[in-house]
Amino acid sequence: MCNKVDLRTTSYVLAETIALVQNRLGIAAVRTFHNEIAPVLSIEWVDAELHEIGMATTLGAARKNLSFVDCSTFAAMRRLGIDTVFTFDKHFAEQGFDVLG
């Protein structure tokens, strides 16, 4: 039996992913990502409040390798009540999220 999983991301993670794909794989890969992968994602658009929480968290942590995008994502996940994430980024576990990956 297959469980349905809601694939959620933030608009900031989406922007970061597009930039990475374009840089490493080129515009054709961005087109494929946009047309075939992005449509199955539920996108949490980062608003002014999430942006400010992410910035406050980034500045408060004062850590070189803890990104603003990650901190904004933590805030979005908390807002949405999401406690499980698929990632290879250790910062999510440090923030108390259950990590798959």
Foldseek 3Di string as FASTA:
>chain_A
DDDDDAAEDEPLVVVVVLVVCCVPPNDVVSVCCVPPPVVSHDYDYQDPVLLVQLVCVCVVVVDPPCDSRNSSRVVVCVVVVHQEDEDPDCVSVVVPGHYDD
